[in-house]
Protein backbone atom coordinates (compact mmCIF):
# COMPACT_ATOMS: atom_id res chain seq x y z
CA MET A 1 156.12 119.78 181.38
CA LEU A 2 158.16 117.09 179.66
CA THR A 3 156.62 115.02 176.88
CA LYS A 4 156.64 111.21 177.22
CA SER A 5 159.60 111.06 174.73
CA GLU A 6 161.46 113.67 176.63
CA ARG A 7 160.95 111.74 179.89
CA LEU A 8 162.32 108.57 178.23
CA VAL A 9 165.42 110.35 177.02
CA CYS A 10 165.93 111.87 180.39
CA SER A 11 165.47 108.51 182.07
CA ILE A 12 168.31 107.15 179.99
CA LEU A 13 170.68 110.13 180.03
CA GLY A 14 169.87 111.67 183.34
CA THR A 15 170.55 115.35 183.68
CA THR A 16 172.46 116.56 180.62
CA ARG A 17 173.52 119.91 179.12
CA SER A 18 172.67 118.52 175.70
CA ASP A 19 169.53 119.79 173.96
CA ILE A 20 167.25 116.64 173.86
CA ARG A 21 164.54 118.25 171.82
CA PRO A 22 165.80 117.03 168.44
CA LEU A 23 165.87 113.38 169.62
CA SER A 24 162.51 113.61 171.43
CA ALA A 25 160.98 115.32 168.36
CA ALA A 26 162.34 112.57 166.12
CA LEU A 27 160.80 109.91 168.43
CA ASP A 28 157.39 111.76 168.34
CA ALA A 29 157.60 111.95 164.49
CA ILE A 30 158.39 108.19 164.26
CA LEU A 31 155.40 107.52 166.55
CA SER A 32 153.10 109.62 164.33
CA LEU A 33 154.28 108.21 161.03
CA HIS A 34 154.55 104.54 162.03
CA PHE A 35 151.69 104.11 164.49
CA ALA A 36 149.22 106.94 163.79
CA GLN A 37 149.60 107.02 160.03
CA ASN A 38 150.42 103.25 159.69
CA ILE A 39 153.44 103.82 157.43
CA PRO A 40 155.63 100.70 157.44
CA ARG A 41 158.98 100.99 159.03
CA GLY A 42 160.75 100.34 155.80
CA ASN A 43 158.96 103.12 154.08
CA ILE A 44 159.98 105.75 156.68
CA LYS A 45 163.21 107.39 155.59
CA VAL A 46 164.47 109.34 158.62
CA THR A 47 166.54 111.78 156.62
CA LYS A 48 163.68 112.58 154.26
CA SER A 49 160.52 112.13 156.46
CA VAL A 50 161.65 113.06 159.89
CA TYR A 51 164.66 115.39 159.99
CA PRO A 52 163.13 118.14 157.70
CA GLN A 53 159.91 118.23 159.77
CA ILE A 54 161.94 118.56 163.03
CA ALA A 55 164.15 121.26 161.50
CA CYS A 56 161.09 123.40 160.77
CA GLN A 57 159.73 122.85 164.34
CA LEU A 58 163.08 123.78 165.93
CA ASN A 59 164.14 126.42 163.37
CA LYS A 60 167.35 124.54 162.50
CA SER A 61 168.77 123.05 159.44
CA PRO A 62 168.04 119.43 158.63
CA SER A 63 171.80 118.61 158.77
CA ALA A 64 172.05 120.16 162.18
CA VAL A 65 169.04 118.16 163.32
CA SER A 66 170.56 114.99 161.80
CA ARG A 67 173.93 115.46 163.63
CA SER A 68 172.15 116.22 166.90
CA VAL A 69 169.81 113.23 166.75
CA GLU A 70 172.66 110.94 165.78
CA ARG A 71 174.88 112.20 168.59
CA LEU A 72 172.10 111.89 171.19
CA ALA A 73 170.95 108.52 169.94
CA ASN A 74 174.51 107.17 170.26
CA LEU A 75 174.89 108.77 173.67
CA CYS A 76 171.59 107.10 174.82
CA TRP A 77 172.78 103.75 173.47
CA GLU A 78 176.23 103.94 175.06
CA THR A 79 174.79 105.14 178.41
CA ALA A 80 172.14 102.35 178.45
CA ARG A 81 174.83 99.81 177.48
CA LYS A 82 177.17 100.98 180.34
CA GLN A 83 174.22 100.79 182.76
CA GLY A 84 173.26 97.36 181.61
CA ARG A 85 169.85 98.65 180.55
CA LEU A 86 169.76 97.42 176.94
CA PRO A 87 167.53 94.41 177.69
CA GLU A 88 165.14 96.69 179.58
CA LEU A 89 165.04 99.19 176.72
CA VAL A 90 165.28 97.11 173.54
CA GLY A 91 164.55 93.50 174.76
CA ARG A 92 167.94 91.95 174.40
CA GLU A 93 171.66 92.61 174.71
CA LEU A 94 173.15 93.78 171.39
CA LEU A 95 176.93 93.94 170.79
CA ASP A 96 177.05 96.47 168.06
CA ILE A 97 175.69 99.92 168.14
CA PRO A 98 172.84 100.04 165.65
CA ALA A 99 172.07 102.72 163.08
CA THR A 100 170.42 105.88 164.42
CA SER A 101 167.15 105.00 162.67
CA ASP A 102 167.14 101.57 164.55
CA VAL A 103 167.66 103.31 167.83
CA LEU A 104 164.83 105.66 167.06
CA PHE A 105 162.46 102.68 166.30
CA TYR A 106 163.61 100.75 169.30
CA LEU A 107 162.73 103.76 171.56
CA ALA A 108 159.55 104.55 169.65
CA TYR A 109 158.31 100.90 170.18
CA LEU A 110 159.08 101.25 173.86
CA LEU A 111 157.11 104.42 174.09
CA TYR A 112 154.15 103.04 172.11
CA PHE A 113 153.90 99.58 173.62
CA ASN A 114 155.54 100.15 176.94
CA LYS A 115 157.58 97.10 176.11
CA PRO A 116 160.94 96.76 174.40
CA PHE A 117 161.13 96.34 170.56
CA PHE A 118 162.28 92.72 170.54
CA THR A 119 159.71 91.67 173.20
CA VAL A 120 156.96 93.16 171.04
CA LEU A 121 158.34 91.17 168.06
CA ASP A 122 158.50 87.99 170.15
CA ASP A 123 154.91 88.55 171.29
CA LEU A 124 153.75 89.02 167.72
CA ASP A 125 155.58 85.84 166.65
CA ARG A 126 153.77 83.91 169.48
CA LEU A 127 150.44 85.26 168.34
CA ASP A 128 151.12 84.36 164.71
CA ARG A 129 151.86 80.74 165.83
CA LEU A 130 148.61 80.59 167.80
CA THR A 131 146.44 81.94 164.97
CA PRO A 132 145.57 79.44 162.32
CA SER A 133 146.44 80.51 158.83
CA ALA A 134 143.67 80.70 156.27
């Protein structure tokens, strides 16, 4: 059975011969670090906090995991862009391809909130405007 992160990657890429496990494991690691352990996004260094953990899980080197995640994240981004799905996945159309870590966070937010990253930020901004400051 596919995990939620694997289903998301498959929903973007469709059937692929690529091994999606490194990317889906990276998404799961981001979810754990950011949402379960409450580590701020700026304190999560993907190359130091995520890739070594995934490398152990998959019995690969951190550099191999890094290359695989980067390649798959770029493929997801380009596929979504060509399909016109960026607003659905990230909340707005972006012209430039973001860094791999940004793509990971965009997709992790979608998995966690079931809403695109920028929609979540917009919702939080609206809540902040409605809440009186002390």
